[in-house]
N, C-alpha and C. Protein backbone atom coordinates (compact mmCIF):
# COMPACT_ATOMS: atom_id res chain seq x y z
N MET A 1 30.02 87.62 60.50
CA MET A 1 31.13 87.99 61.29
C MET A 1 32.09 88.87 60.42
N LEU A 2 32.19 88.51 59.25
CA LEU A 2 33.15 89.42 58.36
C LEU A 2 32.69 90.85 58.33
N TRP A 3 31.29 91.00 58.30
CA TRP A 3 30.85 92.28 58.20
C TRP A 3 31.09 93.05 59.49
N TRP A 4 31.11 92.40 60.65
CA TRP A 4 31.49 93.04 61.88
C TRP A 4 32.96 93.53 61.80
N VAL A 5 33.72 92.61 61.31
CA VAL A 5 35.15 93.02 61.28
C VAL A 5 35.49 94.14 60.29
N LEU A 6 34.80 94.15 59.19
CA LEU A 6 34.96 95.27 58.14
C LEU A 6 34.45 96.58 58.79
N PHE A 7 33.25 96.45 59.38
CA PHE A 7 32.74 97.64 59.97
C PHE A 7 33.69 98.23 61.12
N LEU A 8 34.19 97.37 61.81
CA LEU A 8 35.06 97.76 62.89
C LEU A 8 36.37 98.30 62.30
N LEU A 9 36.82 97.86 61.22
CA LEU A 9 37.95 98.41 60.52
C LEU A 9 37.75 99.84 60.05
N VAL A 10 36.63 99.96 59.49
CA VAL A 10 36.17 101.30 59.04
C VAL A 10 36.13 102.34 60.24
N LEU A 11 35.60 101.89 61.31
CA LEU A 11 35.43 102.77 62.48
C LEU A 11 36.85 103.10 63.09
N VAL A 12 37.71 102.11 63.07
CA VAL A 12 39.02 102.33 63.63
C VAL A 12 39.74 103.46 62.81
N ILE A 13 39.69 103.28 61.44
CA ILE A 13 40.24 104.25 60.55
C ILE A 13 39.65 105.63 60.84
N LEU A 14 38.28 105.76 60.89
CA LEU A 14 37.69 107.03 61.09
C LEU A 14 38.13 107.62 62.44
N SER A 15 38.29 106.76 63.46
CA SER A 15 38.68 107.22 64.76
C SER A 15 40.10 107.74 64.78
N PHE A 16 41.02 107.10 63.99
CA PHE A 16 42.39 107.52 63.82
C PHE A 16 42.42 108.86 63.18
N LEU A 17 41.70 108.97 62.04
CA LEU A 17 41.67 110.30 61.36
C LEU A 17 41.03 111.44 62.25
N SER A 18 40.10 111.04 62.97
CA SER A 18 39.39 112.06 63.89
C SER A 18 40.36 112.49 64.94
N GLN A 19 41.23 111.61 65.54
CA GLN A 19 42.24 111.92 66.48
C GLN A 19 43.31 112.81 65.96
N LEU A 20 43.55 112.59 64.71
CA LEU A 20 44.57 113.34 63.97
C LEU A 20 44.05 114.77 63.59
N GLY A 21 42.79 114.88 63.69
CA GLY A 21 42.17 116.21 63.29
C GLY A 21 41.97 116.35 61.76
N ILE A 22 42.11 115.32 61.05
CA ILE A 22 42.00 115.41 59.56
C ILE A 22 40.52 115.19 59.18
N LEU A 23 39.87 114.31 59.94
CA LEU A 23 38.48 113.94 59.53
C LEU A 23 37.48 115.09 59.64
N PHE A 24 37.62 115.87 60.65
CA PHE A 24 36.61 116.88 61.01
C PHE A 24 37.34 118.24 60.90
N THR A 25 37.77 118.64 59.71
CA THR A 25 38.38 119.90 59.43
C THR A 25 37.35 120.94 59.21
N MET A 26 36.10 120.55 58.95
CA MET A 26 35.04 121.52 58.76
C MET A 26 34.74 122.20 60.11
N GLN A 27 34.00 123.17 60.07
CA GLN A 27 33.76 123.91 61.34
C GLN A 27 32.54 123.30 62.05
N ILE A 28 32.97 122.09 62.68
CA ILE A 28 32.00 121.39 63.50
C ILE A 28 32.27 121.87 64.97
N LYS A 29 31.20 122.14 65.63
CA LYS A 29 31.35 122.69 66.96
C LYS A 29 32.05 121.87 67.99
N SER A 30 31.75 120.47 67.93
CA SER A 30 32.42 119.62 68.89
C SER A 30 32.85 118.44 68.23
N PRO A 31 34.13 118.41 67.74
CA PRO A 31 34.66 117.26 67.01
C PRO A 31 34.88 116.13 68.12
N TYR A 32 34.98 116.48 69.40
CA TYR A 32 35.20 115.45 70.34
C TYR A 32 34.02 114.54 70.62
N LEU A 33 32.94 115.18 70.46
CA LEU A 33 31.59 114.41 70.47
C LEU A 33 31.58 113.28 69.41
N PHE A 34 32.05 113.60 68.24
CA PHE A 34 32.09 112.71 67.13
C PHE A 34 33.10 111.60 67.32
N ALA A 35 34.27 111.90 67.82
CA ALA A 35 35.24 111.02 68.26
C ALA A 35 34.73 110.06 69.35
N THR A 36 34.06 110.68 70.28
CA THR A 36 33.45 109.81 71.38
C THR A 36 32.40 108.85 70.79
N ILE A 37 31.59 109.27 69.86
CA ILE A 37 30.50 108.48 69.26
C ILE A 37 31.22 107.29 68.38
N ILE A 38 32.33 107.69 67.73
CA ILE A 38 33.05 106.62 66.98
C ILE A 38 33.69 105.68 67.97
N ASN A 39 34.25 106.06 69.05
CA ASN A 39 34.82 105.13 69.98
C ASN A 39 33.80 104.22 70.58
N ILE A 40 32.61 104.80 70.96
CA ILE A 40 31.54 103.93 71.48
C ILE A 40 31.12 102.84 70.47
N MET A 41 31.02 103.26 69.19
CA MET A 41 30.69 102.28 68.17
C MET A 41 31.74 101.24 67.99
N ILE A 42 33.01 101.62 68.15
CA ILE A 42 34.16 100.61 68.12
C ILE A 42 33.91 99.64 69.23
N LEU A 43 33.68 100.16 70.39
CA LEU A 43 33.46 99.28 71.58
C LEU A 43 32.33 98.37 71.34
N GLY A 44 31.21 98.82 70.81
CA GLY A 44 30.09 98.00 70.59
C GLY A 44 30.43 96.90 69.52
N CYS A 45 31.11 97.26 68.50
CA CYS A 45 31.57 96.17 67.50
C CYS A 45 32.46 95.14 68.07
N ILE A 46 33.35 95.58 68.95
CA ILE A 46 34.27 94.68 69.69
C ILE A 46 33.45 93.61 70.52
N VAL A 47 32.51 94.20 71.28
CA VAL A 47 31.64 93.39 72.14
C VAL A 47 30.90 92.36 71.27
N GLY A 48 30.31 92.83 70.17
CA GLY A 48 29.51 92.00 69.26
C GLY A 48 30.41 90.86 68.71
N VAL A 49 31.59 91.12 68.32
CA VAL A 49 32.55 90.08 67.79
C VAL A 49 32.84 89.14 68.86
N VAL A 50 33.22 89.56 70.05
CA VAL A 50 33.58 88.66 71.16
C VAL A 50 32.44 87.80 71.54
N VAL A 51 31.27 88.37 71.70
CA VAL A 51 30.01 87.54 72.02
C VAL A 51 29.77 86.50 70.99
N ARG A 52 29.90 86.86 69.65
CA ARG A 52 29.72 85.89 68.56
C ARG A 52 30.73 84.70 68.68
N ILE A 53 31.96 85.06 68.91
CA ILE A 53 33.06 84.05 69.02
C ILE A 53 32.75 83.12 70.20
N LEU A 54 32.24 83.70 71.35
CA LEU A 54 31.93 82.91 72.49
C LEU A 54 30.84 81.87 72.21
N LYS A 55 29.73 82.38 71.51
CA LYS A 55 28.55 81.60 71.20
C LYS A 55 29.02 80.49 70.24
N ARG A 56 29.88 80.72 69.36
CA ARG A 56 30.32 79.67 68.39
C ARG A 56 31.14 78.68 69.14
N THR A 57 31.95 79.21 70.07
CA THR A 57 32.90 78.24 70.74
C THR A 57 31.99 77.29 71.62
N ARG A 58 30.96 77.95 72.38
CA ARG A 58 30.05 77.11 73.17
C ARG A 58 29.26 76.04 72.30
N LYS A 59 28.89 76.49 71.17
CA LYS A 59 28.07 75.61 70.21
C LYS A 59 28.96 74.50 69.85
N LYS A 60 30.26 74.69 69.51
CA LYS A 60 31.09 73.56 69.12
C LYS A 60 31.35 72.68 70.32
N GLU A 61 31.46 73.20 71.52
CA GLU A 61 31.60 72.38 72.73
C GLU A 61 30.38 71.53 72.92
N LYS A 62 29.32 72.05 72.71
CA LYS A 62 28.08 71.27 72.91
C LYS A 62 27.91 70.19 71.84
N GLU A 63 28.36 70.50 70.59
CA GLU A 63 28.34 69.52 69.53
C GLU A 63 29.29 68.35 69.83
N THR A 64 30.50 68.71 70.36
CA THR A 64 31.44 67.70 70.69
C THR A 64 31.02 66.82 71.85
N LEU A 65 30.37 67.37 72.82
CA LEU A 65 29.86 66.67 73.95
C LEU A 65 28.64 65.80 73.58
N MET A 66 27.88 66.28 72.64
CA MET A 66 26.73 65.38 72.16
C MET A 66 27.25 64.21 71.35
N LEU A 67 28.31 64.41 70.50
CA LEU A 67 28.76 63.24 69.85
C LEU A 67 29.44 62.32 70.73
N LYS A 68 30.16 62.84 71.77
CA LYS A 68 30.79 61.92 72.79
C LYS A 68 29.68 61.11 73.51
N VAL A 69 28.63 61.70 73.87
CA VAL A 69 27.47 60.99 74.54
C VAL A 69 26.92 59.95 73.66
N LYS A 70 26.74 60.23 72.37
CA LYS A 70 26.17 59.23 71.47
C LYS A 70 27.20 58.03 71.33
N GLU A 71 28.49 58.33 71.26
CA GLU A 71 29.47 57.24 71.19
C GLU A 71 29.32 56.40 72.44
N LEU A 72 29.28 57.03 73.61
CA LEU A 72 29.21 56.21 74.83
C LEU A 72 27.98 55.45 74.94
N GLU A 73 26.85 55.98 74.49
CA GLU A 73 25.56 55.21 74.51
C GLU A 73 25.63 53.99 73.57
N GLU A 74 26.33 54.08 72.43
CA GLU A 74 26.48 53.04 71.54
C GLU A 74 27.39 51.99 72.14
N LYS A 75 28.39 52.38 72.75
CA LYS A 75 29.29 51.42 73.50
C LYS A 75 28.48 50.68 74.63
N LEU A 76 27.76 51.47 75.37
CA LEU A 76 26.92 50.84 76.38
C LEU A 76 25.92 49.88 75.88
N LYS A 77 25.26 50.17 74.77
CA LYS A 77 24.31 49.24 74.18
C LYS A 77 25.03 47.99 73.73
N ALA A 78 26.27 48.15 73.14
CA ALA A 78 27.08 47.05 72.67
C ALA A 78 27.42 46.07 73.85
N LYS A 79 27.85 46.72 75.01
CA LYS A 79 28.19 45.98 76.18
C LYS A 79 26.98 45.25 76.80
N GLU A 80 25.81 45.87 76.72
CA GLU A 80 24.65 45.30 77.21
C GLU A 80 24.32 44.01 76.41
N GLU A 81 24.41 44.19 75.07
CA GLU A 81 24.07 42.98 74.18
C GLU A 81 25.16 41.87 74.36
N GLU A 82 26.27 42.21 74.65
CA GLU A 82 27.28 41.18 74.87
C GLU A 82 27.02 40.42 76.19
N ASN A 83 26.60 41.15 77.19
CA ASN A 83 26.22 40.56 78.52
C ASN A 83 24.99 39.73 78.41
N ARG A 84 24.03 40.04 77.55
CA ARG A 84 22.86 39.20 77.35
C ARG A 84 23.21 37.94 76.66
N SER A 85 24.11 37.90 75.77
CA SER A 85 24.46 36.69 74.92
C SER A 85 25.12 35.68 75.72
């Protein structure tokens, strides 16, 4: 996840410099194409980070629910043993 954020930071800096016209001062025929490519890469990184965050959140929710189910099963077993006695 850290690598995604660092790569995103580099792309944002490159995009900023590209929009200022500092990055592509060489005689490149279409600097807007490079700016567009950088913006698409930024969008891809943002989507990747968001998807990873959502997966981790869902995984934590599943783990929490599984622990809750185990606790309830243990309580049910204890109640059943009490009723048998």
